[in-house]
Amino acid sequence: MDYVSALVPPVVMAAFFIALVVTIVKSQGGANKAKEDAAVDAVLARAESARQQDQHP
């Protein structure tokens, strides 16, 4: 019976990890993909412009 108690935590963690990966994969794309991509592009552009301004005082 000790082997059951030794195997339960890894099996439970594996199940949660698989559920997490499935949730992440399912949430990619869809109706909000363009909005999310635009938000990321805006943040990256803002960071790039701030970096260029720091280099050229």
PDB file of N, CA and C in Angstrom:
ATOM      1  N   MET A   1       0.816  -1.202   0.000  1.00  0.00           N
ATOM      2  CA  MET A   1       0.000   0.000   0.000  1.00  0.00           C
ATOM      3  C   MET A   1       0.857   1.262   0.000  1.00  0.00           C
ATOM      4  N   ASP A   2       2.102   1.166   0.409  1.00  0.00           N
ATOM      5  CA  ASP A   2       2.989   2.336   0.387  1.00  0.00           C
ATOM      6  C   ASP A   2       3.231   2.830  -1.034  1.00  0.00           C
ATOM      7  N   TYR A   3       3.257   1.903  -1.992  1.00  0.00           N
ATOM      8  CA  TYR A   3       3.510   2.317  -3.359  1.00  0.00           C
ATOM      9  C   TYR A   3       2.374   3.184  -3.896  1.00  0.00           C
ATOM     10  N   VAL A   4       1.163   2.968  -3.426  1.00  0.00           N
ATOM     11  CA  VAL A   4       0.028   3.798  -3.865  1.00  0.00           C
ATOM     12  C   VAL A   4       0.206   5.228  -3.360  1.00  0.00           C
ATOM     13  N   SER A   5       0.549   5.365  -2.089  1.00  0.00           N
ATOM     14  CA  SER A   5       0.741   6.713  -1.540  1.00  0.00           C
ATOM     15  C   SER A   5       1.971   7.392  -2.139  1.00  0.00           C
ATOM     16  N   ALA A   6       2.934   6.599  -2.621  1.00  0.00           N
ATOM     17  CA  ALA A   6       4.106   7.186  -3.268  1.00  0.00           C
ATOM     18  C   ALA A   6       3.791   7.633  -4.695  1.00  0.00           C
ATOM     19  N   LEU A   7       2.844   6.982  -5.349  1.00  0.00           N
ATOM     20  CA  LEU A   7       2.536   7.316  -6.740  1.00  0.00           C
ATOM     21  C   LEU A   7       1.457   8.379  -6.896  1.00  0.00           C
ATOM     22  N   VAL A   8       0.648   8.595  -5.883  1.00  0.00           N
ATOM     23  CA  VAL A   8      -0.473   9.531  -6.020  1.00  0.00           C
ATOM     24  C   VAL A   8      -0.001  10.968  -6.298  1.00  0.00           C
ATOM     25  N   PRO A   9       0.949  11.536  -5.550  1.00  0.00           N
ATOM     26  CA  PRO A   9       1.326  12.931  -5.834  1.00  0.00           C
ATOM     27  C   PRO A   9       1.853  13.154  -7.259  1.00  0.00           C
ATOM     28  N   PRO A  10       2.757  12.323  -7.803  1.00  0.00           N
ATOM     29  CA  PRO A  10       3.190  12.561  -9.183  1.00  0.00           C
ATOM     30  C   PRO A  10       2.058  12.421 -10.198  1.00  0.00           C
ATOM     31  N   VAL A  11       1.158  11.492  -9.968  1.00  0.00           N
ATOM     32  CA  VAL A  11       0.034  11.316 -10.896  1.00  0.00           C
ATOM     33  C   VAL A  11      -0.887  12.533 -10.850  1.00  0.00           C
ATOM     34  N   VAL A  12      -1.143  13.048  -9.661  1.00  0.00           N
ATOM     35  CA  VAL A  12      -1.991  14.236  -9.528  1.00  0.00           C
ATOM     36  C   VAL A  12      -1.315  15.444 -10.175  1.00  0.00           C
ATOM     37  N   MET A  13      -0.020  15.612  -9.943  1.00  0.00           N
ATOM     38  CA  MET A  13       0.700  16.738 -10.560  1.00  0.00           C
ATOM     39  C   MET A  13       0.717  16.604 -12.079  1.00  0.00           C
ATOM     40  N   ALA A  14       0.896  15.402 -12.593  1.00  0.00           N
ATOM     41  CA  ALA A  14       0.884  15.193 -14.039  1.00  0.00           C
ATOM     42  C   ALA A  14      -0.489  15.534 -14.619  1.00  0.00           C
ATOM     43  N   ALA A  15      -1.549  15.150 -13.934  1.00  0.00           N
ATOM     44  CA  ALA A  15      -2.893  15.453 -14.418  1.00  0.00           C
ATOM     45  C   ALA A  15      -3.129  16.964 -14.458  1.00  0.00           C
ATOM     46  N   PHE A  16      -2.714  17.671 -13.416  1.00  0.00           N
ATOM     47  CA  PHE A  16      -2.870  19.128 -13.415  1.00  0.00           C
ATOM     48  C   PHE A  16      -2.019  19.776 -14.499  1.00  0.00           C
ATOM     49  N   PHE A  17      -0.811  19.270 -14.721  1.00  0.00           N
ATOM     50  CA  PHE A  17       0.059  19.820 -15.756  1.00  0.00           C
ATOM     51  C   PHE A  17      -0.562  19.618 -17.136  1.00  0.00           C
ATOM     52  N   ILE A  18      -1.095  18.429 -17.383  1.00  0.00           N
ATOM     53  CA  ILE A  18      -1.737  18.167 -18.672  1.00  0.00           C
ATOM     54  C   ILE A  18      -2.946  19.081 -18.855  1.00  0.00           C
ATOM     55  N   ALA A  19      -3.726  19.272 -17.805  1.00  0.00           N
ATOM     56  CA  ALA A  19      -4.877  20.175 -17.891  1.00  0.00           C
ATOM     57  C   ALA A  19      -4.436  21.610 -18.173  1.00  0.00           C
ATOM     58  N   LEU A  20      -3.338  22.028 -17.558  1.00  0.00           N
ATOM     59  CA  LEU A  20      -2.811  23.372 -17.795  1.00  0.00           C
ATOM     60  C   LEU A  20      -2.376  23.542 -19.248  1.00  0.00           C
ATOM     61  N   VAL A  21      -1.652  22.564 -19.769  1.00  0.00           N
ATOM     62  CA  VAL A  21      -1.195  22.644 -21.158  1.00  0.00           C
ATOM     63  C   VAL A  21      -2.387  22.663 -22.115  1.00  0.00           C
ATOM     64  N   VAL A  22      -3.379  21.837 -21.861  1.00  0.00           N
ATOM     65  CA  VAL A  22      -4.569  21.814 -22.722  1.00  0.00           C
ATOM     66  C   VAL A  22      -5.281  23.159 -22.678  1.00  0.00           C
ATOM     67  N   THR A  23      -5.386  23.750 -21.497  1.00  0.00           N
ATOM     68  CA  THR A  23      -6.031  25.060 -21.369  1.00  0.00           C
ATOM     69  C   THR A  23      -5.261  26.127 -22.128  1.00  0.00           C
ATOM     70  N   ILE A  24      -3.940  26.101 -22.025  1.00  0.00           N
ATOM     71  CA  ILE A  24      -3.119  27.091 -22.737  1.00  0.00           C
ATOM     72  C   ILE A  24      -3.270  26.922 -24.239  1.00  0.00           C
ATOM     73  N   VAL A  25      -3.229  25.689 -24.726  1.00  0.00           N
ATOM     74  CA  VAL A  25      -3.342  25.449 -26.160  1.00  0.00           C
ATOM     75  C   VAL A  25      -4.719  25.871 -26.671  1.00  0.00           C
ATOM     76  N   LYS A  26      -5.766  25.582 -25.909  1.00  0.00           N
ATOM     77  CA  LYS A  26      -7.116  25.959 -26.345  1.00  0.00           C
ATOM     78  C   LYS A  26      -7.322  27.463 -26.336  1.00  0.00           C
ATOM     79  N   SER A  27      -6.613  28.178 -25.469  1.00  0.00           N
ATOM     80  CA  SER A  27      -6.808  29.620 -25.387  1.00  0.00           C
ATOM     81  C   SER A  27      -6.007  30.373 -26.446  1.00  0.00           C
ATOM     82  N   GLN A  28      -5.146  29.685 -27.181  1.00  0.00           N
ATOM     83  CA  GLN A  28      -4.390  30.340 -28.249  1.00  0.00           C
ATOM     84  C   GLN A  28      -5.302  30.548 -29.444  1.00  0.00           C
ATOM     85  N   GLY A  29      -5.147  31.679 -30.079  1.00  0.00           N
ATOM     86  CA  GLY A  29      -5.981  31.952 -31.241  1.00  0.00           C
ATOM     87  C   GLY A  29      -7.373  32.394 -30.830  1.00  0.00           C
ATOM     88  N   GLY A  30      -8.320  32.170 -31.687  1.00  0.00           N
ATOM     89  CA  GLY A  30      -9.694  32.539 -31.380  1.00  0.00           C
ATOM     90  C   GLY A  30      -9.975  34.000 -31.654  1.00  0.00           C
ATOM     91  N   ALA A  31     -11.058  34.475 -31.096  1.00  0.00           N
ATOM     92  CA  ALA A  31     -11.526  35.828 -31.371  1.00  0.00           C
ATOM     93  C   ALA A  31     -10.604  36.895 -30.790  1.00  0.00           C
ATOM     94  N   ASN A  32      -9.937  36.596 -29.678  1.00  0.00           N
ATOM     95  CA  ASN A  32      -9.118  37.607 -29.024  1.00  0.00           C
ATOM     96  C   ASN A  32      -7.668  37.615 -29.507  1.00  0.00           C
ATOM     97  N   LYS A  33      -7.324  36.760 -30.453  1.00  0.00           N
ATOM     98  CA  LYS A  33      -5.924  36.660 -30.874  1.00  0.00           C
ATOM     99  C   LYS A  33      -5.403  37.987 -31.430  1.00  0.00           C
ATOM    100  N   ALA A  34      -6.159  38.624 -32.291  1.00  0.00           N
ATOM    101  CA  ALA A  34      -5.714  39.883 -32.888  1.00  0.00           C
ATOM    102  C   ALA A  34      -5.543  40.958 -31.825  1.00  0.00           C
ATOM    103  N   LYS A  35      -6.469  41.012 -30.871  1.00  0.00           N
ATOM    104  CA  LYS A  35      -6.386  42.014 -29.806  1.00  0.00           C
ATOM    105  C   LYS A  35      -5.172  41.764 -28.917  1.00  0.00           C
ATOM    106  N   GLU A  36      -4.920  40.491 -28.597  1.00  0.00           N
ATOM    107  CA  GLU A  36      -3.764  40.158 -27.765  1.00  0.00           C
ATOM    108  C   GLU A  36      -2.466  40.463 -28.501  1.00  0.00           C
ATOM    109  N   ASP A  37      -2.413  40.120 -29.796  1.00  0.00           N
ATOM    110  CA  ASP A  37      -1.215  40.404 -30.580  1.00  0.00           C
ATOM    111  C   ASP A  37      -0.958  41.911 -30.665  1.00  0.00           C
ATOM    112  N   ALA A  38      -2.016  42.684 -30.831  1.00  0.00           N
ATOM    113  CA  ALA A  38      -1.867  44.135 -30.916  1.00  0.00           C
ATOM    114  C   ALA A  38      -1.363  44.704 -29.589  1.00  0.00           C
ATOM    115  N   ALA A  39      -1.837  44.169 -28.474  1.00  0.00           N
ATOM    116  CA  ALA A  39      -1.377  44.643 -27.168  1.00  0.00           C
ATOM    117  C   ALA A  39       0.102  44.327 -26.961  1.00  0.00           C
ATOM    118  N   VAL A  40       0.513  43.142 -27.347  1.00  0.00           N
ATOM    119  CA  VAL A  40       1.928  42.766 -27.215  1.00  0.00           C
ATOM    120  C   VAL A  40       2.784  43.628 -28.123  1.00  0.00           C
ATOM    121  N   ASP A  41       2.340  43.850 -29.367  1.00  0.00           N
ATOM    122  CA  ASP A  41       3.097  44.691 -30.291  1.00  0.00           C
ATOM    123  C   ASP A  41       3.234  46.111 -29.747  1.00  0.00           C
ATOM    124  N   ALA A  42       2.189  46.647 -29.129  1.00  0.00           N
ATOM    125  CA  ALA A  42       2.247  48.006 -28.577  1.00  0.00           C
ATOM    126  C   ALA A  42       3.261  48.085 -27.435  1.00  0.00           C
ATOM    127  N   VAL A  43       3.272  47.074 -26.571  1.00  0.00           N
ATOM    128  CA  VAL A  43       4.225  47.070 -25.456  1.00  0.00           C
ATOM    129  C   VAL A  43       5.647  46.972 -25.982  1.00  0.00           C
ATOM    130  N   LEU A  44       5.864  46.108 -26.969  1.00  0.00           N
ATOM    131  CA  LEU A  44       7.210  45.962 -27.529  1.00  0.00           C
ATOM    132  C   LEU A  44       7.663  47.245 -28.221  1.00  0.00           C
ATOM    133  N   ALA A  45       6.765  47.903 -28.940  1.00  0.00           N
ATOM    134  CA  ALA A  45       7.119  49.150 -29.617  1.00  0.00           C
ATOM    135  C   ALA A  45       7.454  50.232 -28.603  1.00  0.00           C
ATOM    136  N   ARG A  46       6.685  50.297 -27.504  1.00  0.00           N
ATOM    137  CA  ARG A  46       6.952  51.283 -26.469  1.00  0.00           C
ATOM    138  C   ARG A  46       8.312  51.032 -25.819  1.00  0.00           C
ATOM    139  N   ALA A  47       8.623  49.767 -25.564  1.00  0.00           N
ATOM    140  CA  ALA A  47       9.910  49.432 -24.951  1.00  0.00           C
ATOM    141  C   ALA A  47      11.050  49.750 -25.908  1.00  0.00           C
ATOM    142  N   GLU A  48      10.856  49.488 -27.185  1.00  0.00           N
ATOM    143  CA  GLU A  48      11.908  49.772 -28.178  1.00  0.00           C
ATOM    144  C   GLU A  48      12.146  51.275 -28.301  1.00  0.00           C
ATOM    145  N   SER A  49      11.073  52.071 -28.326  1.00  0.00           N
ATOM    146  CA  SER A  49      11.252  53.519 -28.448  1.00  0.00           C
ATOM    147  C   SER A  49      11.920  54.084 -27.192  1.00  0.00           C
ATOM    148  N   ALA A  50      11.588  53.554 -26.034  1.00  0.00           N
ATOM    149  CA  ALA A  50      12.228  54.018 -24.807  1.00  0.00           C
ATOM    150  C   ALA A  50      13.713  53.661 -24.803  1.00  0.00           C
ATOM    151  N   ARG A  51      14.032  52.485 -25.336  1.00  0.00           N
ATOM    152  CA  ARG A  51      15.435  52.067 -25.396  1.00  0.00           C
ATOM    153  C   ARG A  51      16.220  52.962 -26.357  1.00  0.00           C
ATOM    154  N   GLN A  52      15.609  53.327 -27.468  1.00  0.00           N
ATOM    155  CA  GLN A  52      16.299  54.188 -28.445  1.00  0.00           C
ATOM    156  C   GLN A  52      16.473  55.596 -27.886  1.00  0.00           C
ATOM    157  N   GLN A  53      15.515  56.086 -27.126  1.00  0.00           N
ATOM    158  CA  GLN A  53      15.655  57.408 -26.542  1.00  0.00           C
ATOM    159  C   GLN A  53      16.754  57.433 -25.478  1.00  0.00           C
ATOM    160  N   ASP A  54      16.936  56.350 -24.769  1.00  0.00           N
ATOM    161  CA  ASP A  54      18.003  56.268 -23.772  1.00  0.00           C
ATOM    162  C   ASP A  54      19.359  56.273 -24.436  1.00  0.00           C
ATOM    163  N   GLN A  55      19.466  55.714 -25.620  1.00  0.00           N
ATOM    164  CA  GLN A  55      20.758  55.651 -26.308  1.00  0.00           C
ATOM    165  C   GLN A  55      21.122  56.986 -26.937  1.00  0.00           C
ATOM    166  N   HIS A  56      20.145  57.775 -27.322  1.00  0.00           N
ATOM    167  CA  HIS A  56      20.397  59.055 -27.995  1.00  0.00           C
ATOM    168  C   HIS A  56      19.820  60.208 -27.179  1.00  0.00           C
ATOM    169  N   PRO A  57      20.625  60.737 -26.252  1.00  0.00           N
ATOM    170  CA  PRO A  57      20.095  61.827 -25.408  1.00  0.00           C
ATOM    171  C   PRO A  57      19.925  63.127 -26.139  1.00  0.00           C
TER     172      PRO A  57
END
